[in-house]
Protein backbone atom coordinates (compact mmCIF):
# COMPACT_ATOMS: atom_id res chain seq x y z
CA MET A 1 125.77 73.22 70.70
CA PRO A 2 124.51 72.26 73.95
CA TYR A 3 126.28 73.69 76.88
CA SER A 4 125.81 74.03 80.36
CA PHE A 5 125.02 76.18 83.75
CA LEU A 6 127.57 75.12 86.71
CA PHE A 7 126.54 76.14 90.31
CA ARG A 8 129.77 75.70 91.82
CA ALA A 9 129.69 76.15 95.74
CA ALA A 10 131.99 79.01 94.45
CA LEU A 11 129.02 80.80 93.32
CA LEU A 12 126.32 80.05 95.99
CA ALA A 13 127.12 77.42 98.22
CA ALA A 14 123.05 76.30 98.64
CA VAL A 15 122.91 74.60 95.04
CA ALA A 16 124.96 71.49 95.24
CA SER A 17 126.59 72.17 91.55
CA PRO A 18 124.21 70.80 89.70
CA ALA A 19 124.68 71.02 85.50
CA LEU A 20 121.99 72.38 83.65
CA SER A 21 122.05 72.40 79.76
CA GLN A 22 119.72 74.45 77.71
CA ALA A 23 118.30 72.84 74.54
CA GLY A 24 120.18 71.64 71.47
CA SER A 25 119.24 72.88 67.86
CA SER A 26 117.35 69.75 67.23
CA GLU A 27 115.37 70.15 70.85
CA PRO A 28 112.79 72.89 71.56
CA SER A 29 113.35 75.59 72.71
CA PHE A 30 111.22 75.47 76.06
CA VAL A 31 110.60 72.03 78.29
CA PRO A 32 108.63 72.38 81.29
CA VAL A 33 110.87 71.14 84.59
CA PHE A 34 107.15 70.85 86.67
CA GLN A 35 104.40 68.60 84.69
CA ALA A 36 101.08 69.62 87.25
CA ASN A 37 99.38 72.29 87.72
CA PHE A 38 101.18 75.29 88.25
CA PRO A 39 100.22 78.31 88.02
CA ASP A 40 101.06 82.22 88.00
CA PRO A 41 104.54 80.45 89.76
CA PHE A 42 106.77 82.44 91.71
CA VAL A 43 109.90 80.74 92.65
CA MET A 44 112.77 82.18 95.08
CA LEU A 45 115.83 80.48 97.00
CA ASP A 46 116.26 80.11 100.33
CA ASN A 47 118.27 77.83 102.48
CA GLY A 48 119.99 76.21 99.83
CA GLU A 49 116.24 75.34 98.56
CA PHE A 50 114.91 76.51 95.66
CA ILE A 51 110.74 76.67 96.53
CA ALA A 52 108.12 77.88 94.21
CA PHE A 53 104.32 78.33 94.74
CA ALA A 54 100.74 79.06 92.59
CA THR A 55 97.35 79.98 93.03
CA ASN A 56 95.19 77.79 94.77
CA ASP A 57 94.23 74.20 93.89
CA GLY A 58 92.37 72.37 95.42
CA ILE A 59 94.44 73.69 98.61
CA ASN A 60 94.86 77.27 98.81
CA LEU A 61 98.89 77.40 98.79
CA PRO A 62 100.54 75.10 96.63
CA MET A 63 104.19 74.89 96.81
CA ALA A 64 106.73 72.99 94.75
CA THR A 65 110.47 72.20 95.66
CA SER A 66 113.99 71.59 93.73
CA LYS A 67 117.93 71.80 94.51
CA ASP A 68 118.38 72.41 90.77
CA LEU A 69 115.59 74.28 88.68
CA VAL A 70 115.45 70.84 86.33
CA HIS A 71 114.17 69.09 89.08
CA TRP A 72 110.90 69.41 90.75
CA SER A 73 108.79 68.11 93.32
CA ALA A 74 105.90 68.70 95.16
CA VAL A 75 105.72 69.96 99.01
CA MET A 76 104.33 67.09 100.90
CA ASP A 77 102.70 66.99 103.89
CA PRO A 78 104.53 65.29 107.30
CA ALA A 79 101.18 64.97 108.88
CA LYS A 80 99.67 63.90 105.94
CA PRO A 81 100.43 61.30 104.32
CA GLY A 82 100.21 61.63 100.14
CA LYS A 83 98.49 64.75 100.61
CA ARG A 84 100.17 68.14 99.73
CA LEU A 85 101.16 70.70 102.03
CA ASP A 86 98.59 74.14 101.83
CA GLY A 87 101.53 76.85 103.29
CA MET A 88 97.76 78.41 104.34
CA PRO A 89 95.45 76.70 105.66
CA VAL A 90 93.34 79.23 107.39
CA LEU A 91 91.97 81.98 105.20
CA ALA A 92 91.60 85.72 106.94
CA SER A 93 87.89 86.43 107.83
CA TRP A 94 87.14 88.63 104.68
CA VAL A 95 88.43 86.40 101.98
CA LYS A 96 85.69 84.11 100.23
CA GLU A 97 87.79 80.94 99.77
CA GLY A 98 88.91 79.40 96.19
CA ALA A 99 90.08 82.30 94.81
CA ASN A 100 93.47 82.79 96.14
CA TRP A 101 95.75 83.55 93.33
CA ALA A 102 99.57 85.02 92.41
CA PRO A 103 100.66 84.21 95.49
CA GLU A 104 104.99 85.94 95.41
CA VAL A 105 106.99 86.01 99.01
CA ALA A 106 109.68 88.23 100.50
CA HIS A 107 111.85 87.62 103.16
CA VAL A 108 111.59 90.55 105.17
CA GLY A 109 114.13 90.63 108.69
CA SER A 110 113.00 87.20 110.52
CA LYS A 111 109.56 86.94 108.71
CA TYR A 112 108.47 85.51 104.85
CA LEU A 113 105.76 87.99 104.21
CA LEU A 114 103.27 86.35 101.32
CA TYR A 115 101.96 89.30 99.00
CA TYR A 116 98.43 87.36 97.04
CA THR A 117 94.57 87.19 95.65
CA ALA A 118 91.83 86.76 96.69
CA ASN A 119 88.07 87.26 96.70
CA ASN A 120 86.94 90.07 98.94
CA ARG A 121 83.60 88.19 100.51
CA LYS A 122 81.59 91.56 100.76
CA LEU A 123 82.99 93.39 97.74
CA ASP A 124 82.85 90.31 95.60
CA ARG A 125 86.38 92.23 94.34
CA GLN A 126 89.14 90.16 93.98
CA CYS A 127 92.08 92.01 96.58
CA ILE A 128 95.32 92.34 97.50
CA GLY A 129 96.01 90.97 100.83
CA VAL A 130 99.05 89.96 103.14
CA ALA A 131 100.25 87.08 105.23
CA VAL A 132 102.48 86.37 107.12
CA ALA A 133 104.73 83.21 108.69
CA ASP A 134 108.46 82.18 110.35
CA ALA A 135 109.38 79.93 108.06
CA VAL A 136 109.46 79.99 103.78
CA ARG A 137 107.14 76.66 103.75
CA GLY A 138 104.15 78.48 106.52
CA PRO A 139 101.93 78.18 107.70
CA TYR A 140 101.17 81.39 106.57
CA ARG A 141 98.53 83.58 108.57
CA ASP A 142 96.67 86.51 107.10
CA THR A 143 94.83 87.91 110.79
CA SER A 144 93.90 91.26 108.96
CA ALA A 145 90.49 92.39 108.98
CA GLY A 146 90.84 93.60 105.66
CA PRO A 147 92.96 93.56 102.04
CA LEU A 148 95.81 95.55 101.97
CA VAL A 149 94.73 96.85 98.47
CA CYS A 150 91.43 97.25 96.61
CA GLN A 151 90.35 99.38 93.98
CA VAL A 152 86.91 98.53 94.49
CA GLU A 153 85.92 101.25 92.10
CA LEU A 154 88.54 99.84 89.43
CA GLY A 155 87.43 96.59 89.10
CA GLY A 156 89.58 95.28 91.77
CA SER A 157 93.52 94.92 92.33
CA ILE A 158 95.28 91.87 91.39
CA ASP A 159 99.40 90.35 91.27
CA ALA A 160 101.27 91.89 93.84
CA ASN A 161 104.26 91.67 93.24
CA ALA A 162 107.40 93.60 95.73
CA PHE A 163 110.07 95.33 94.72
CA ARG A 164 113.17 95.78 97.25
CA ASP A 165 115.56 99.02 95.91
CA SER A 166 119.31 99.56 96.26
CA ASP A 167 118.35 101.90 98.79
CA GLY A 168 116.08 99.33 100.94
CA GLN A 169 112.83 101.49 100.41
CA ARG A 170 109.93 98.58 99.95
CA TYR A 171 107.50 98.83 96.86
CA LEU A 172 104.13 96.83 95.73
CA TYR A 173 103.15 96.53 91.95
CA TYR A 174 99.62 95.43 90.87
CA LYS A 175 97.28 95.50 88.62
CA ASN A 176 93.43 96.86 88.58
CA ASP A 177 91.53 94.14 87.52
CA GLY A 178 89.56 96.91 85.07
CA ASN A 179 89.22 94.00 82.20
CA ARG A 180 86.40 92.37 84.83
CA VAL A 181 84.45 95.35 84.42
CA ALA A 182 84.74 97.11 80.75
CA LYS A 183 87.38 99.30 82.78
CA VAL A 184 91.06 100.07 81.12
CA SER A 185 93.63 97.92 82.98
CA SER A 186 96.65 98.98 84.24
CA ILE A 187 100.17 98.45 86.61
CA TRP A 188 100.20 100.52 89.83
CA ALA A 189 103.03 101.44 91.88
CA GLN A 190 103.01 102.24 95.80
CA ARG A 191 105.31 102.35 98.54
CA LEU A 192 106.11 99.43 100.86
CA SER A 193 106.20 100.42 104.15
CA ALA A 194 110.02 99.01 105.74
CA ASP A 195 108.70 95.75 107.19
CA GLY A 196 106.42 95.06 104.69
CA MET A 197 103.28 95.23 105.88
CA SER A 198 101.55 98.67 105.12
CA VAL A 199 101.83 100.31 101.87
CA SER A 200 101.83 104.86 101.99
CA GLY A 201 101.49 107.27 99.93
CA GLU A 202 99.27 107.76 96.73
CA PRO A 203 99.42 104.29 93.93
CA VAL A 204 101.06 105.79 90.65
CA ALA A 205 100.18 103.96 87.26
CA ILE A 206 103.13 103.82 85.14
CA GLU A 207 101.95 100.71 82.47
CA ARG A 208 97.96 100.01 81.33
CA ASP A 209 96.50 98.18 77.95
CA SER A 210 97.40 100.27 75.05
CA LYS A 211 98.68 98.00 72.78
CA GLU A 212 97.29 95.62 70.25
CA TRP A 213 98.89 92.21 71.36
CA GLU A 214 98.18 93.23 75.52
CA GLN A 215 94.06 93.02 73.94
CA ARG A 216 93.35 95.19 76.79
CA LEU A 217 94.69 93.25 79.52
CA VAL A 218 98.45 93.90 80.97
CA GLU A 219 98.93 92.39 84.29
CA ALA A 220 101.44 90.32 86.58
CA PRO A 221 103.90 92.48 86.85
CA THR A 222 107.97 92.24 87.87
CA MET A 223 109.92 94.73 88.66
CA VAL A 224 113.28 94.67 88.34
CA HIS A 225 117.22 96.02 88.29
CA ALA A 226 118.28 95.15 84.94
CA PRO A 227 122.01 96.16 83.75
CA SER A 228 120.50 99.28 82.39
CA GLY A 229 117.81 100.81 84.49
CA TYR A 230 114.71 99.59 86.28
CA GLN A 231 112.72 97.39 84.13
CA LEU A 232 108.91 96.06 84.75
CA PHE A 233 108.08 92.82 82.59
CA TYR A 234 104.45 91.92 82.86
CA SER A 235 102.13 89.82 80.96
CA GLY A 236 98.84 90.65 78.10
CA GLY A 237 96.54 89.05 75.89
CA TYR A 238 93.41 86.90 77.76
CA TYR A 239 95.38 84.51 79.43
CA GLY A 240 93.07 80.80 78.68
CA TRP A 241 93.28 78.36 75.48
CA ASN A 242 90.10 78.03 74.31
CA ASP A 243 89.06 75.12 72.45
CA ASP A 244 88.92 77.44 69.31
CA GLN A 245 92.01 78.88 69.14
CA ARG A 246 94.92 77.36 67.47
CA ILE A 247 96.92 79.11 70.92
CA SER A 248 96.57 80.81 73.88
CA PRO A 249 97.45 84.50 72.58
CA TYR A 250 98.95 85.29 76.66
CA ALA A 251 102.09 86.84 75.99
CA MET A 252 105.12 88.56 78.21
CA GLY A 253 106.53 92.35 77.60
CA TYR A 254 108.35 94.81 79.31
CA SER A 255 108.73 98.46 79.74
CA THR A 256 112.07 100.49 80.46
CA CYS A 257 110.88 102.80 83.70
CA SER A 258 113.40 105.95 84.70
CA SER A 259 112.24 104.96 88.70
CA PRO A 260 110.08 102.41 90.61
CA MET A 261 107.87 104.71 90.45
CA GLY A 262 107.34 105.55 87.06
CA PRO A 263 107.57 106.70 84.03
CA CYS A 264 107.25 103.75 82.17
CA LYS A 265 108.26 103.04 78.86
CA PRO A 266 107.05 99.78 76.62
CA SER A 267 109.64 98.19 74.40
CA PRO A 268 108.71 98.94 71.75
CA ASP A 269 110.03 95.21 70.82
CA ASN A 270 107.17 93.65 72.37
CA PRO A 271 105.55 90.97 73.20
CA ILE A 272 109.54 88.90 73.94
CA LEU A 273 107.68 86.01 74.77
CA HIS A 274 104.65 84.56 73.15
CA SER A 275 102.77 80.93 71.80
CA PHE A 276 104.18 79.50 69.02
CA ASN A 277 104.54 76.31 67.08
CA ASP A 278 107.77 75.73 64.99
CA LYS A 279 108.97 72.50 63.26
CA GLN A 280 112.73 73.50 64.98
CA ALA A 281 111.74 75.52 68.29
CA GLY A 282 108.68 73.48 69.10
CA CYS A 283 105.53 74.64 70.87
CA ILE A 284 104.56 76.33 73.44
CA SER A 285 100.98 78.33 74.39
CA GLY A 286 100.22 81.13 76.55
CA PRO A 287 103.87 81.68 77.55
CA GLY A 288 103.08 84.23 81.02
CA HIS A 289 102.77 85.50 84.76
CA GLN A 290 106.68 85.48 85.12
CA SER A 291 108.87 85.77 88.01
CA ILE A 292 112.08 86.63 87.92
CA PHE A 293 115.10 85.67 90.62
CA ASN A 294 118.77 85.42 90.82
CA VAL A 295 121.60 82.63 91.62
CA GLY A 296 124.87 84.36 92.37
CA GLN A 297 125.31 86.52 89.43
CA ARG A 298 122.69 84.59 87.02
CA SER A 299 119.10 86.00 86.47
CA PHE A 300 116.42 82.84 85.50
CA ILE A 301 112.30 83.56 85.01
CA ALA A 302 110.18 81.36 85.65
CA PHE A 303 106.80 81.09 84.39
CA HIS A 304 103.74 79.30 83.44
CA ALA A 305 102.43 77.57 79.88
CA TRP A 306 99.23 75.22 78.85
CA ALA A 307 99.93 71.56 78.44
CA ALA A 308 100.23 71.31 75.13
CA THR A 309 100.26 67.61 72.74
CA LYS A 310 103.16 67.36 70.70
CA GLY A 311 101.25 68.31 67.60
CA CYS A 312 100.70 71.95 69.76
CA ARG A 313 96.78 71.12 70.57
CA LYS A 314 95.35 71.54 74.32
CA ALA A 315 96.25 68.45 76.00
CA ASP A 316 95.52 68.95 79.39
CA ASP A 317 93.34 72.15 81.92
CA LYS A 318 96.57 72.74 83.40
CA ARG A 319 99.05 75.21 83.44
CA TYR A 320 103.17 74.17 84.03
CA LEU A 321 105.88 75.76 85.31
CA TYR A 322 108.82 76.56 82.81
CA VAL A 323 112.54 77.95 84.14
CA ALA A 324 114.88 79.80 81.93
CA PRO A 325 117.90 81.80 81.63
CA LEU A 326 117.72 85.72 81.63
CA SER A 327 120.41 87.67 80.31
CA TRP A 328 120.23 91.16 78.30
CA LYS A 329 122.08 92.16 75.35
CA ASP A 330 122.30 95.97 75.13
CA GLY A 331 119.96 96.51 77.42
CA LYS A 332 117.30 94.49 76.55
CA PRO A 333 116.21 90.80 78.26
CA VAL A 334 117.37 88.15 76.15
CA ILE A 335 115.78 84.73 77.60
CA GLY A 336 117.15 81.39 77.24
CA PRO A 337 116.14 78.15 76.46
CA SER A 338 114.35 76.15 78.68
CA MET A 339 116.38 74.69 81.51
CA ARG A 340 116.26 70.26 81.39
CA GLU A 341 118.41 67.17 81.92
CA ARG A 342 121.49 66.92 80.08
């Protein structure tokens, strides 16, 4: 039987008590909350508003907003009627336009820091930069002469994730783009400065592509402090959906870690979310590149999946935004049916 999540004012005044429900037995397990191209989503709650950021799509930094996690709309430019607002309208001097990926934002002091992936025009490698803004919607500016992180010999660096531990120490997680140059792809951990603007110490590889389902590719790290300790969520497999494929092989897994710098051990239950086509549960193709956020004591996971027909065929070359409740049972993460209107 469907049931509702009620975000009452006592839980978090930022959310005006919308009723959010999960799927009943006759409904698909996952439905998109935003049917626009919105790959690699990152969602955060800021001043009573959920705001999501995505990989470039005509503009460098697309954004969308919601008050209840169910109803989303693109952030529009008040100065340009009918046009979306670009959160990073001017790129850094080292960046080649057109390949800005996987943005994540951290609120550090009075500033908002945007960690993003972009093409280094001199090296022809994807690298990680950091841009700064005074407001969550930007404009974000990166005035640095070069990237924050770039593992050139390992294929480049992509998919930054910033994590702040309970002791205040900040960490940055990212993937070396090894599959681009026929090398191992790994997820790396490195300490961040207190202001989040620089890395320190040597990076440590805490996850590598080693399982069959990963297809020699792990990426999109998300470190969380779960009830049972540190857990690293990540995606694996080819992200796309080729015409000759029934469904996309992209999927999501996690590892348990003894500290923010590892070591980490992949779960034997992986992948925990993968493509499927089922008469009862519905269809989803290529779920992955997750972000995890909290609302009071509740946790949620956002991710993308490919637009699909009712028959679970490729509908369009777009990846939609999904949001679902995340909980833990016996130390293991449980992704509930996705959010949708009652």
